[in-house]
Amino acid sequence: MGLSTHVLDTMHGTPAAGMGVALYETKGDTLTLVKRFTLNADGRNPDGPLYDNDSLRAGTYRLSFDVAAYFRAQGVTLPEPPFLDVVHLDFGVAHTDQHYHVPLLCSPWSYSTYRGS
């Protein structure tokens, strides 16, 4: 299955439908944008995996989640600057034959992640 993500809005107890996300390949301090996308109604990346197992390469990646913009769009009043604006998750892929699912659970004030299945 390759690489996928989803986001849960822990403030409202819902998927974070409509949140903007960017996927980058990283090499040291160099970021190469792979794609930008908007999470679907289930808070998941649309249109299948971000990478399938045939195109996923071992290496390092970053997912950047537009958390503040999402919560503002939900009508949440945030301080300026917001406590969390864009959440960056840097992670490594060692085994390209495995599924890497990178979920984010977030509110305007906290986030958590793990390697899902």
PDB file of N, CA and C in Angstrom:
ATOM      1  N   MET A   1       0.811  -1.195   0.000  1.00  0.00           N
ATOM      2  CA  MET A   1       0.000   0.000   0.000  1.00  0.00           C
ATOM      3  C   MET A   1       0.853   1.256   0.000  1.00  0.00           C
ATOM      4  N   GLY A   2       2.100   1.224   0.397  1.00  0.00           N
ATOM      5  CA  GLY A   2       2.973   2.393   0.291  1.00  0.00           C
ATOM      6  C   GLY A   2       2.866   3.357   1.439  1.00  0.00           C
ATOM      7  N   LEU A   3       2.473   4.606   1.145  1.00  0.00           N
ATOM      8  CA  LEU A   3       2.425   5.680   2.128  1.00  0.00           C
ATOM      9  C   LEU A   3       1.053   6.327   2.118  1.00  0.00           C
ATOM     10  N   SER A   4       0.500   6.533   3.318  1.00  0.00           N
ATOM     11  CA  SER A   4      -0.796   7.212   3.441  1.00  0.00           C
ATOM     12  C   SER A   4      -0.815   8.018   4.732  1.00  0.00           C
ATOM     13  N   THR A   5      -1.833   8.880   4.861  1.00  0.00           N
ATOM     14  CA  THR A   5      -2.001   9.679   6.067  1.00  0.00           C
ATOM     15  C   THR A   5      -3.478   9.931   6.316  1.00  0.00           C
ATOM     16  N   HIS A   6      -3.792  10.299   7.524  1.00  0.00           N
ATOM     17  CA  HIS A   6      -5.110  10.832   7.845  1.00  0.00           C
ATOM     18  C   HIS A   6      -4.984  11.686   9.096  1.00  0.00           C
ATOM     19  N   VAL A   7      -5.983  12.565   9.302  1.00  0.00           N
ATOM     20  CA  VAL A   7      -5.949  13.478  10.437  1.00  0.00           C
ATOM     21  C   VAL A   7      -7.289  13.418  11.159  1.00  0.00           C
ATOM     22  N   LEU A   8      -7.203  13.331  12.484  1.00  0.00           N
ATOM     23  CA  LEU A   8      -8.382  13.400  13.338  1.00  0.00           C
ATOM     24  C   LEU A   8      -8.336  14.704  14.127  1.00  0.00           C
ATOM     25  N   ASP A   9      -9.429  15.434  14.088  1.00  0.00           N
ATOM     26  CA  ASP A   9      -9.617  16.684  14.821  1.00  0.00           C
ATOM     27  C   ASP A   9     -10.091  16.290  16.220  1.00  0.00           C
ATOM     28  N   THR A  10      -9.189  16.343  17.203  1.00  0.00           N
ATOM     29  CA  THR A  10      -9.551  15.907  18.558  1.00  0.00           C
ATOM     30  C   THR A  10     -10.334  16.963  19.319  1.00  0.00           C
ATOM     31  N   MET A  11     -10.391  18.189  18.816  1.00  0.00           N
ATOM     32  CA  MET A  11     -11.211  19.222  19.448  1.00  0.00           C
ATOM     33  C   MET A  11     -12.697  18.935  19.217  1.00  0.00           C
ATOM     34  N   HIS A  12     -13.013  18.535  17.990  1.00  0.00           N
ATOM     35  CA  HIS A  12     -14.404  18.310  17.620  1.00  0.00           C
ATOM     36  C   HIS A  12     -14.777  16.827  17.563  1.00  0.00           C
ATOM     37  N   GLY A  13     -13.784  15.937  17.638  1.00  0.00           N
ATOM     38  CA  GLY A  13     -14.050  14.508  17.559  1.00  0.00           C
ATOM     39  C   GLY A  13     -14.466  14.063  16.171  1.00  0.00           C
ATOM     40  N   THR A  14     -13.857  14.650  15.143  1.00  0.00           N
ATOM     41  CA  THR A  14     -14.218  14.359  13.758  1.00  0.00           C
ATOM     42  C   THR A  14     -12.964  14.213  12.896  1.00  0.00           C
ATOM     43  N   PRO A  15     -13.108  13.636  11.693  1.00  0.00           N
ATOM     44  CA  PRO A  15     -12.003  13.690  10.734  1.00  0.00           C
ATOM     45  C   PRO A  15     -11.759  15.148  10.342  1.00  0.00           C
ATOM     46  N   ALA A  16     -10.528  15.484  10.015  1.00  0.00           N
ATOM     47  CA  ALA A  16     -10.163  16.851   9.650  1.00  0.00           C
ATOM     48  C   ALA A  16     -10.352  17.075   8.151  1.00  0.00           C
ATOM     49  N   ALA A  17     -11.592  16.904   7.680  1.00  0.00           N
ATOM     50  CA  ALA A  17     -11.920  17.087   6.265  1.00  0.00           C
ATOM     51  C   ALA A  17     -11.580  18.510   5.834  1.00  0.00           C
ATOM     52  N   GLY A  18     -10.906  18.626   4.707  1.00  0.00           N
ATOM     53  CA  GLY A  18     -10.571  19.933   4.160  1.00  0.00           C
ATOM     54  C   GLY A  18      -9.226  20.485   4.589  1.00  0.00           C
ATOM     55  N   MET A  19      -8.508  19.804   5.479  1.00  0.00           N
ATOM     56  CA  MET A  19      -7.189  20.299   5.893  1.00  0.00           C
ATOM     57  C   MET A  19      -6.210  20.180   4.731  1.00  0.00           C
ATOM     58  N   GLY A  20      -5.403  21.210   4.533  1.00  0.00           N
ATOM     59  CA  GLY A  20      -4.354  21.186   3.525  1.00  0.00           C
ATOM     60  C   GLY A  20      -3.111  20.495   4.053  1.00  0.00           C
ATOM     61  N   VAL A  21      -2.476  19.715   3.185  1.00  0.00           N
ATOM     62  CA  VAL A  21      -1.277  18.951   3.552  1.00  0.00           C
ATOM     63  C   VAL A  21      -0.287  19.035   2.397  1.00  0.00           C
ATOM     64  N   ALA A  22       0.998  19.043   2.726  1.00  0.00           N
ATOM     65  CA  ALA A  22       2.050  18.968   1.706  1.00  0.00           C
ATOM     66  C   ALA A  22       2.981  17.807   2.059  1.00  0.00           C
ATOM     67  N   LEU A  23       3.392  17.068   1.052  1.00  0.00           N
ATOM     68  CA  LEU A  23       4.347  15.972   1.201  1.00  0.00           C
ATOM     69  C   LEU A  23       5.650  16.372   0.537  1.00  0.00           C
ATOM     70  N   TYR A  24       6.754  16.206   1.273  1.00  0.00           N
ATOM     71  CA  TYR A  24       8.087  16.517   0.767  1.00  0.00           C
ATOM     72  C   TYR A  24       8.988  15.299   0.899  1.00  0.00           C
ATOM     73  N   GLU A  25       9.920  15.154  -0.027  1.00  0.00           N
ATOM     74  CA  GLU A  25      11.070  14.285   0.167  1.00  0.00           C
ATOM     75  C   GLU A  25      12.152  15.160   0.767  1.00  0.00           C
ATOM     76  N   THR A  26      12.917  14.622   1.725  1.00  0.00           N
ATOM     77  CA  THR A  26      13.951  15.422   2.373  1.00  0.00           C
ATOM     78  C   THR A  26      15.313  14.758   2.227  1.00  0.00           C
ATOM     79  N   LYS A  27      16.319  15.590   2.103  1.00  0.00           N
ATOM     80  CA  LYS A  27      17.716  15.144   2.111  1.00  0.00           C
ATOM     81  C   LYS A  27      18.484  16.202   2.859  1.00  0.00           C
ATOM     82  N   GLY A  28      18.812  15.924   4.117  1.00  0.00           N
ATOM     83  CA  GLY A  28      19.444  16.939   4.943  1.00  0.00           C
ATOM     84  C   GLY A  28      18.489  18.103   5.129  1.00  0.00           C
ATOM     85  N   ASP A  29      18.949  19.307   4.797  1.00  0.00           N
ATOM     86  CA  ASP A  29      18.106  20.501   4.911  1.00  0.00           C
ATOM     87  C   ASP A  29      17.327  20.810   3.633  1.00  0.00           C
ATOM     88  N   THR A  30      17.449  19.958   2.627  1.00  0.00           N
ATOM     89  CA  THR A  30      16.778  20.195   1.351  1.00  0.00           C
ATOM     90  C   THR A  30      15.428  19.504   1.312  1.00  0.00           C
ATOM     91  N   LEU A  31      14.381  20.292   1.021  1.00  0.00           N
ATOM     92  CA  LEU A  31      13.023  19.761   0.881  1.00  0.00           C
ATOM     93  C   LEU A  31      12.622  19.830  -0.584  1.00  0.00           C
ATOM     94  N   THR A  32      12.070  18.743  -1.106  1.00  0.00           N
ATOM     95  CA  THR A  32      11.550  18.724  -2.465  1.00  0.00           C
ATOM     96  C   THR A  32      10.060  18.412  -2.374  1.00  0.00           C
ATOM     97  N   LEU A  33       9.231  19.373  -2.804  1.00  0.00           N
ATOM     98  CA  LEU A  33       7.792  19.175  -2.752  1.00  0.00           C
ATOM     99  C   LEU A  33       7.396  18.061  -3.713  1.00  0.00           C
ATOM    100  N   VAL A  34       6.664  17.080  -3.182  1.00  0.00           N
ATOM    101  CA  VAL A  34       6.135  15.989  -3.991  1.00  0.00           C
ATOM    102  C   VAL A  34       4.721  16.328  -4.441  1.00  0.00           C
ATOM    103  N   LYS A  35       3.884  16.753  -3.480  1.00  0.00           N
ATOM    104  CA  LYS A  35       2.512  17.141  -3.820  1.00  0.00           C
ATOM    105  C   LYS A  35       1.858  17.861  -2.666  1.00  0.00           C
ATOM    106  N   ARG A  36       0.873  18.671  -3.011  1.00  0.00           N
ATOM    107  CA  ARG A  36      -0.031  19.301  -2.048  1.00  0.00           C
ATOM    108  C   ARG A  36      -1.402  18.691  -2.278  1.00  0.00           C
ATOM    109  N   PHE A  37      -2.158  18.501  -1.203  1.00  0.00           N
ATOM    110  CA  PHE A  37      -3.486  17.936  -1.347  1.00  0.00           C
ATOM    111  C   PHE A  37      -4.354  18.375  -0.186  1.00  0.00           C
ATOM    112  N   THR A  38      -5.647  18.151  -0.334  1.00  0.00           N
ATOM    113  CA  THR A  38      -6.629  18.470   0.687  1.00  0.00           C
ATOM    114  C   THR A  38      -7.256  17.173   1.157  1.00  0.00           C
ATOM    115  N   LEU A  39      -7.360  17.004   2.469  1.00  0.00           N
ATOM    116  CA  LEU A  39      -7.923  15.773   3.016  1.00  0.00           C
ATOM    117  C   LEU A  39      -9.395  15.635   2.646  1.00  0.00           C
ATOM    118  N   ASN A  40      -9.819  14.405   2.370  1.00  0.00           N
ATOM    119  CA  ASN A  40     -11.198  14.150   1.969  1.00  0.00           C
ATOM    120  C   ASN A  40     -12.136  14.139   3.184  1.00  0.00           C
ATOM    121  N   ALA A  41     -13.384  13.784   2.983  1.00  0.00           N
ATOM    122  CA  ALA A  41     -14.401  13.816   4.035  1.00  0.00           C
ATOM    123  C   ALA A  41     -14.068  12.906   5.211  1.00  0.00           C
ATOM    124  N   ASP A  42     -13.244  11.877   4.979  1.00  0.00           N
ATOM    125  CA  ASP A  42     -12.810  10.984   6.056  1.00  0.00           C
ATOM    126  C   ASP A  42     -11.508  11.450   6.695  1.00  0.00           C
ATOM    127  N   GLY A  43     -11.005  12.630   6.301  1.00  0.00           N
ATOM    128  CA  GLY A  43      -9.751  13.143   6.829  1.00  0.00           C
ATOM    129  C   GLY A  43      -8.540  12.398   6.300  1.00  0.00           C
ATOM    130  N   ARG A  44      -8.687  11.760   5.145  1.00  0.00           N
ATOM    131  CA  ARG A  44      -7.605  10.959   4.559  1.00  0.00           C
ATOM    132  C   ARG A  44      -7.116  11.582   3.261  1.00  0.00           C
ATOM    133  N   ASN A  45      -5.901  11.173   2.860  1.00  0.00           N
ATOM    134  CA  ASN A  45      -5.406  11.628   1.571  1.00  0.00           C
ATOM    135  C   ASN A  45      -6.328  11.084   0.477  1.00  0.00           C
ATOM    136  N   PRO A  46      -6.688  11.941  -0.468  1.00  0.00           N
ATOM    137  CA  PRO A  46      -7.610  11.508  -1.530  1.00  0.00           C
ATOM    138  C   PRO A  46      -6.883  10.691  -2.602  1.00  0.00           C
ATOM    139  N   ASP A  47      -7.642   9.989  -3.394  1.00  0.00           N
ATOM    140  CA  ASP A  47      -7.121   9.342  -4.609  1.00  0.00           C
ATOM    141  C   ASP A  47      -6.084   8.258  -4.349  1.00  0.00           C
ATOM    142  N   GLY A  48      -6.258   7.457  -3.311  1.00  0.00           N
ATOM    143  CA  GLY A  48      -5.337   6.352  -3.078  1.00  0.00           C
ATOM    144  C   GLY A  48      -4.086   6.773  -2.345  1.00  0.00           C
ATOM    145  N   PRO A  49      -3.107   5.868  -2.265  1.00  0.00           N
ATOM    146  CA  PRO A  49      -1.901   6.157  -1.483  1.00  0.00           C
ATOM    147  C   PRO A  49      -1.097   7.326  -2.066  1.00  0.00           C
ATOM    148  N   LEU A  50      -0.341   7.981  -1.186  1.00  0.00           N
ATOM    149  CA  LEU A  50       0.557   9.055  -1.628  1.00  0.00           C
ATOM    150  C   LEU A  50       1.680   8.485  -2.489  1.00  0.00           C
ATOM    151  N   TYR A  51       2.156   7.317  -2.096  1.00  0.00           N
ATOM    152  CA  TYR A  51       3.075   6.505  -2.891  1.00  0.00           C
ATOM    153  C   TYR A  51       2.568   5.080  -2.799  1.00  0.00           C
ATOM    154  N   ASP A  52       2.611   4.340  -3.899  1.00  0.00           N
ATOM    155  CA  ASP A  52       2.359   2.909  -3.787  1.00  0.00           C
ATOM    156  C   ASP A  52       3.706   2.232  -3.521  1.00  0.00           C
ATOM    157  N   ASN A  53       3.693   0.936  -3.243  1.00  0.00           N
ATOM    158  CA  ASN A  53       4.942   0.249  -2.900  1.00  0.00           C
ATOM    159  C   ASN A  53       5.949   0.263  -4.045  1.00  0.00           C
ATOM    160  N   ASP A  54       5.480   0.348  -5.284  1.00  0.00           N
ATOM    161  CA  ASP A  54       6.408   0.364  -6.418  1.00  0.00           C
ATOM    162  C   ASP A  54       7.159   1.690  -6.539  1.00  0.00           C
ATOM    163  N   SER A  55       6.544   2.806  -6.106  1.00  0.00           N
ATOM    164  CA  SER A  55       7.201   4.102  -6.249  1.00  0.00           C
ATOM    165  C   SER A  55       7.798   4.637  -4.950  1.00  0.00           C
ATOM    166  N   LEU A  56       7.441   4.037  -3.806  1.00  0.00           N
ATOM    167  CA  LEU A  56       8.009   4.467  -2.521  1.00  0.00           C
ATOM    168  C   LEU A  56       9.477   4.072  -2.449  1.00  0.00           C
ATOM    169  N   ARG A  57      10.309   5.029  -2.058  1.00  0.00           N
ATOM    170  CA  ARG A  57      11.747   4.776  -1.935  1.00  0.00           C
ATOM    171  C   ARG A  57      12.178   4.928  -0.484  1.00  0.00           C
ATOM    172  N   ALA A  58      13.183   4.175  -0.111  1.00  0.00           N
ATOM    173  CA  ALA A  58      13.758   4.347   1.221  1.00  0.00           C
ATOM    174  C   ALA A  58      14.323   5.758   1.306  1.00  0.00           C
ATOM    175  N   GLY A  59      14.135   6.385   2.466  1.00  0.00           N
ATOM    176  CA  GLY A  59      14.640   7.733   2.647  1.00  0.00           C
ATOM    177  C   GLY A  59      13.834   8.479   3.677  1.00  0.00           C
ATOM    178  N   THR A  60      13.983   9.790   3.675  1.00  0.00           N
ATOM    179  CA  THR A  60      13.300  10.617   4.664  1.00  0.00           C
ATOM    180  C   THR A  60      12.286  11.522   3.971  1.00  0.00           C
ATOM    181  N   TYR A  61      11.198  11.786   4.707  1.00  0.00           N
ATOM    182  CA  TYR A  61      10.062  12.522   4.173  1.00  0.00           C
ATOM    183  C   TYR A  61       9.540  13.480   5.229  1.00  0.00           C
ATOM    184  N   ARG A  62       8.734  14.448   4.777  1.00  0.00           N
ATOM    185  CA  ARG A  62       8.042  15.365   5.678  1.00  0.00           C
ATOM    186  C   ARG A  62       6.603  15.524   5.194  1.00  0.00           C
ATOM    187  N   LEU A  63       5.679  15.423   6.127  1.00  0.00           N
ATOM    188  CA  LEU A  63       4.292  15.807   5.898  1.00  0.00           C
ATOM    189  C   LEU A  63       4.060  17.088   6.685  1.00  0.00           C
ATOM    190  N   SER A  64       3.530  18.117   6.023  1.00  0.00           N
ATOM    191  CA  SER A  64       3.242  19.405   6.661  1.00  0.00           C
ATOM    192  C   SER A  64       1.734  19.624   6.624  1.00  0.00           C
ATOM    193  N   PHE A  65       1.148  19.784   7.799  1.00  0.00           N
ATOM    194  CA  PHE A  65      -0.295  19.881   7.960  1.00  0.00           C
ATOM    195  C   PHE A  65      -0.669  21.315   8.336  1.00  0.00           C
ATOM    196  N   ASP A  66      -1.590  21.936   7.601  1.00  0.00           N
ATOM    197  CA  ASP A  66      -2.019  23.314   7.836  1.00  0.00           C
ATOM    198  C   ASP A  66      -3.079  23.351   8.947  1.00  0.00           C
ATOM    199  N   VAL A  67      -2.614  23.168  10.177  1.00  0.00           N
ATOM    200  CA  VAL A  67      -3.504  23.019  11.329  1.00  0.00           C
ATOM    201  C   VAL A  67      -4.264  24.312  11.637  1.00  0.00           C
ATOM    202  N   ALA A  68      -3.579  25.445  11.738  1.00  0.00           N
ATOM    203  CA  ALA A  68      -4.253  26.696  12.098  1.00  0.00           C
ATOM    204  C   ALA A  68      -5.288  27.087  11.049  1.00  0.00           C
ATOM    205  N   ALA A  69      -4.945  26.981   9.779  1.00  0.00           N
ATOM    206  CA  ALA A  69      -5.894  27.334   8.722  1.00  0.00           C
ATOM    207  C   ALA A  69      -7.132  26.447   8.796  1.00  0.00           C
ATOM    208  N   TYR A  70      -6.933  25.180   9.084  1.00  0.00           N
ATOM    209  CA  TYR A  70      -8.065  24.258   9.219  1.00  0.00           C
ATOM    210  C   TYR A  70      -8.984  24.693  10.356  1.00  0.00           C
ATOM    211  N   PHE A  71      -8.409  24.950  11.544  1.00  0.00           N
ATOM    212  CA  PHE A  71      -9.252  25.307  12.683  1.00  0.00           C
ATOM    213  C   PHE A  71      -9.929  26.664  12.486  1.00  0.00           C
ATOM    214  N   ARG A  72      -9.254  27.604  11.856  1.00  0.00           N
ATOM    215  CA  ARG A  72      -9.922  28.870  11.534  1.00  0.00           C
ATOM    216  C   ARG A  72     -11.119  28.637  10.623  1.00  0.00           C
ATOM    217  N   ALA A  73     -10.962  27.758   9.637  1.00  0.00           N
ATOM    218  CA  ALA A  73     -12.059  27.452   8.722  1.00  0.00           C
ATOM    219  C   ALA A  73     -13.222  26.767   9.441  1.00  0.00           C
ATOM    220  N   GLN A  74     -12.926  26.146  10.598  1.00  0.00           N
ATOM    221  CA  GLN A  74     -13.982  25.521  11.404  1.00  0.00           C
ATOM    222  C   GLN A  74     -14.649  26.526  12.339  1.00  0.00           C
ATOM    223  N   GLY A  75     -14.211  27.778  12.290  1.00  0.00           N
ATOM    224  CA  GLY A  75     -14.803  28.819  13.126  1.00  0.00           C
ATOM    225  C   GLY A  75     -14.159  28.975  14.487  1.00  0.00           C
ATOM    226  N   VAL A  76     -13.014  28.339  14.692  1.00  0.00           N
ATOM    227  CA  VAL A  76     -12.304  28.438  15.966  1.00  0.00           C
ATOM    228  C   VAL A  76     -11.500  29.733  15.977  1.00  0.00           C
ATOM    229  N   THR A  77     -11.662  30.535  17.015  1.00  0.00           N
ATOM    230  CA  THR A  77     -10.884  31.755  17.175  1.00  0.00           C
ATOM    231  C   THR A  77      -9.532  31.385  17.779  1.00  0.00           C
ATOM    232  N   LEU A  78      -8.481  31.704  17.061  1.00  0.00           N
ATOM    233  CA  LEU A  78      -7.123  31.383  17.505  1.00  0.00           C
ATOM    234  C   LEU A  78      -6.388  32.666  17.861  1.00  0.00           C
ATOM    235  N   PRO A  79      -5.432  32.585  18.789  1.00  0.00           N
ATOM    236  CA  PRO A  79      -4.600  33.756  19.067  1.00  0.00           C
ATOM    237  C   PRO A  79      -3.712  34.042  17.860  1.00  0.00           C
ATOM    238  N   GLU A  80      -3.134  35.224  17.853  1.00  0.00           N
ATOM    239  CA  GLU A  80      -2.210  35.577  16.773  1.00  0.00           C
ATOM    240  C   GLU A  80      -0.867  35.918  17.368  1.00  0.00           C
ATOM    241  N   PRO A  81       0.179  35.192  17.094  1.00  0.00           N
ATOM    242  CA  PRO A  81       0.180  34.026  16.228  1.00  0.00           C
ATOM    243  C   PRO A  81      -0.447  32.819  16.927  1.00  0.00           C
ATOM    244  N   PRO A  82      -0.911  31.847  16.141  1.00  0.00           N
ATOM    245  CA  PRO A  82      -1.497  30.652  16.761  1.00  0.00           C
ATOM    246  C   PRO A  82      -0.417  29.827  17.445  1.00  0.00           C
ATOM    247  N   PHE A  83      -0.825  29.053  18.455  1.00  0.00           N
ATOM    248  CA  PHE A  83       0.127  28.180  19.130  1.00  0.00           C
ATOM    249  C   PHE A  83       0.697  27.156  18.142  1.00  0.00           C
ATOM    250  N   LEU A  84      -0.169  26.500  17.374  1.00  0.00           N
ATOM    251  CA  LEU A  84       0.259  25.609  16.295  1.00  0.00           C
ATOM    252  C   LEU A  84      -0.223  26.209  14.982  1.00  0.00           C
ATOM    253  N   ASP A  85       0.677  26.375  14.045  1.00  0.00           N
ATOM    254  CA  ASP A  85       0.306  26.883  12.729  1.00  0.00           C
ATOM    255  C   ASP A  85       0.380  25.720  11.743  1.00  0.00           C
ATOM    256  N   VAL A  86       1.573  25.384  11.319  1.00  0.00           N
ATOM    257  CA  VAL A  86       1.797  24.231  10.447  1.00  0.00           C
ATOM    258  C   VAL A  86       2.555  23.188  11.258  1.00  0.00           C
ATOM    259  N   VAL A  87       2.031  21.980  11.303  1.00  0.00           N
ATOM    260  CA  VAL A  87       2.702  20.879  11.997  1.00  0.00           C
ATOM    261  C   VAL A  87       3.494  20.086  10.967  1.00  0.00           C
ATOM    262  N   HIS A  88       4.801  19.970  11.211  1.00  0.00           N
ATOM    263  CA  HIS A  88       5.690  19.220  10.321  1.00  0.00           C
ATOM    264  C   HIS A  88       6.034  17.886  10.990  1.00  0.00           C
ATOM    265  N   LEU A  89       5.786  16.803  10.275  1.00  0.00           N
ATOM    266  CA  LEU A  89       6.176  15.479  10.756  1.00  0.00           C
ATOM    267  C   LEU A  89       7.262  14.946   9.833  1.00  0.00           C
ATOM    268  N   ASP A  90       8.463  14.783  10.375  1.00  0.00           N
ATOM    269  CA  ASP A  90       9.573  14.210   9.630  1.00  0.00           C
ATOM    270  C   ASP A  90       9.681  12.739  10.011  1.00  0.00           C
ATOM    271  N   PHE A  91       9.795  11.879   9.004  1.00  0.00           N
ATOM    272  CA  PHE A  91       9.831  10.441   9.271  1.00  0.00           C
ATOM    273  C   PHE A  91      10.682   9.749   8.209  1.00  0.00           C
ATOM    274  N   GLY A  92      11.106   8.541   8.541  1.00  0.00           N
ATOM    275  CA  GLY A  92      11.933   7.766   7.630  1.00  0.00           C
ATOM    276  C   GLY A  92      11.221   6.521   7.160  1.00  0.00           C
ATOM    277  N   VAL A  93      11.531   6.128   5.940  1.00  0.00           N
ATOM    278  CA  VAL A  93      11.024   4.888   5.348  1.00  0.00           C
ATOM    279  C   VAL A  93      12.221   3.993   5.107  1.00  0.00           C
ATOM    280  N   ALA A  94      12.240   2.853   5.796  1.00  0.00           N
ATOM    281  CA  ALA A  94      13.345   1.910   5.663  1.00  0.00           C
ATOM    282  C   ALA A  94      12.974   0.709   4.798  1.00  0.00           C
ATOM    283  N   HIS A  95      11.701   0.307   4.840  1.00  0.00           N
ATOM    284  CA  HIS A  95      11.267  -0.928   4.176  1.00  0.00           C
ATOM    285  C   HIS A  95      10.158  -0.609   3.176  1.00  0.00           C
ATOM    286  N   THR A  96      10.515  -0.509   1.917  1.00  0.00           N
ATOM    287  CA  THR A  96       9.553  -0.072   0.906  1.00  0.00           C
ATOM    288  C   THR A  96       8.500  -1.122   0.577  1.00  0.00           C
ATOM    289  N   ASP A  97       8.650  -2.319   1.091  1.00  0.00           N
ATOM    290  CA  ASP A  97       7.644  -3.356   0.873  1.00  0.00           C
ATOM    291  C   ASP A  97       6.566  -3.327   1.961  1.00  0.00           C
ATOM    292  N   GLN A  98       6.683  -2.400   2.912  1.00  0.00           N
ATOM    293  CA  GLN A  98       5.717  -2.283   3.998  1.00  0.00           C
ATOM    294  C   GLN A  98       4.843  -1.045   3.801  1.00  0.00           C
ATOM    295  N   HIS A  99       3.725  -1.026   4.512  1.00  0.00           N
ATOM    296  CA  HIS A  99       2.833   0.133   4.476  1.00  0.00           C
ATOM    297  C   HIS A  99       3.245   1.105   5.576  1.00  0.00           C
ATOM    298  N   TYR A 100       3.435   2.350   5.214  1.00  0.00           N
ATOM    299  CA  TYR A 100       3.719   3.420   6.169  1.00  0.00           C
ATOM    300  C   TYR A 100       2.489   4.324   6.210  1.00  0.00           C
ATOM    301  N   HIS A 101       1.771   4.263   7.311  1.00  0.00           N
ATOM    302  CA  HIS A 101       0.609   5.123   7.512  1.00  0.00           C
ATOM    303  C   HIS A 101       0.992   6.113   8.603  1.00  0.00           C
ATOM    304  N   VAL A 102       0.873   7.418   8.304  1.00  0.00           N
ATOM    305  CA  VAL A 102       1.321   8.462   9.215  1.00  0.00           C
ATOM    306  C   VAL A 102       0.121   9.320   9.608  1.00  0.00           C
ATOM    307  N   PRO A 103      -0.561   8.950  10.703  1.00  0.00           N
ATOM    308  CA  PRO A 103      -1.719   9.719  11.141  1.00  0.00           C
ATOM    309  C   PRO A 103      -1.312  10.886  12.046  1.00  0.00           C
ATOM    310  N   LEU A 104      -2.192  11.883  12.092  1.00  0.00           N
ATOM    311  CA  LEU A 104      -2.019  13.019  12.990  1.00  0.00           C
ATOM    312  C   LEU A 104      -3.320  13.199  13.751  1.00  0.00           C
ATOM    313  N   LEU A 105      -3.229  13.303  15.065  1.00  0.00           N
ATOM    314  CA  LEU A 105      -4.357  13.658  15.920  1.00  0.00           C
ATOM    315  C   LEU A 105      -4.041  15.044  16.444  1.00  0.00           C
ATOM    316  N   CYS A 106      -4.961  16.007  16.249  1.00  0.00           N
ATOM    317  CA  CYS A 106      -4.599  17.374  16.612  1.00  0.00           C
ATOM    318  C   CYS A 106      -5.774  18.198  17.096  1.00  0.00           C
ATOM    319  N   SER A 107      -5.423  19.220  17.859  1.00  0.00           N
ATOM    320  CA  SER A 107      -6.313  20.289  18.285  1.00  0.00           C
ATOM    321  C   SER A 107      -5.527  21.578  18.026  1.00  0.00           C
ATOM    322  N   PRO A 108      -6.079  22.743  18.324  1.00  0.00           N
ATOM    323  CA  PRO A 108      -5.285  23.968  18.140  1.00  0.00           C
ATOM    324  C   PRO A 108      -4.085  24.063  19.092  1.00  0.00           C
ATOM    325  N   TRP A 109      -4.037  23.180  20.121  1.00  0.00           N
ATOM    326  CA  TRP A 109      -3.007  23.298  21.154  1.00  0.00           C
ATOM    327  C   TRP A 109      -2.137  22.066  21.329  1.00  0.00           C
ATOM    328  N   SER A 110      -2.422  20.992  20.597  1.00  0.00           N
ATOM    329  CA  SER A 110      -1.615  19.784  20.789  1.00  0.00           C
ATOM    330  C   SER A 110      -1.727  18.886  19.566  1.00  0.00           C
ATOM    331  N   TYR A 111      -0.752  17.980  19.444  1.00  0.00           N
ATOM    332  CA  TYR A 111      -0.829  16.957  18.396  1.00  0.00           C
ATOM    333  C   TYR A 111      -0.057  15.733  18.825  1.00  0.00           C
ATOM    334  N   SER A 112      -0.396  14.628  18.175  1.00  0.00           N
ATOM    335  CA  SER A 112       0.240  13.348  18.423  1.00  0.00           C
ATOM    336  C   SER A 112       0.280  12.579  17.104  1.00  0.00           C
ATOM    337  N   THR A 113       1.260  11.731  16.962  1.00  0.00           N
ATOM    338  CA  THR A 113       1.367  10.889  15.771  1.00  0.00           C
ATOM    339  C   THR A 113       1.924   9.531  16.165  1.00  0.00           C
ATOM    340  N   TYR A 114       1.868   8.611  15.252  1.00  0.00           N
ATOM    341  CA  TYR A 114       2.409   7.262  15.445  1.00  0.00           C
ATOM    342  C   TYR A 114       2.508   6.612  14.072  1.00  0.00           C
ATOM    343  N   ARG A 115       3.178   5.497  14.006  1.00  0.00           N
ATOM    344  CA  ARG A 115       3.180   4.736  12.744  1.00  0.00           C
ATOM    345  C   ARG A 115       1.994   3.795  12.780  1.00  0.00           C
ATOM    346  N   GLY A 116       1.026   4.062  11.947  1.00  0.00           N
ATOM    347  CA  GLY A 116      -0.184   3.256  11.887  1.00  0.00           C
ATOM    348  C   GLY A 116      -0.022   2.080  10.951  1.00  0.00           C
ATOM    349  N   SER A 117      -1.118   1.376  10.749  1.00  0.00           N
ATOM    350  CA  SER A 117      -1.090   0.196   9.883  1.00  0.00           C
ATOM    351  C   SER A 117      -2.021   0.376   8.702  1.00  0.00           C
TER     352      SER A 117
END
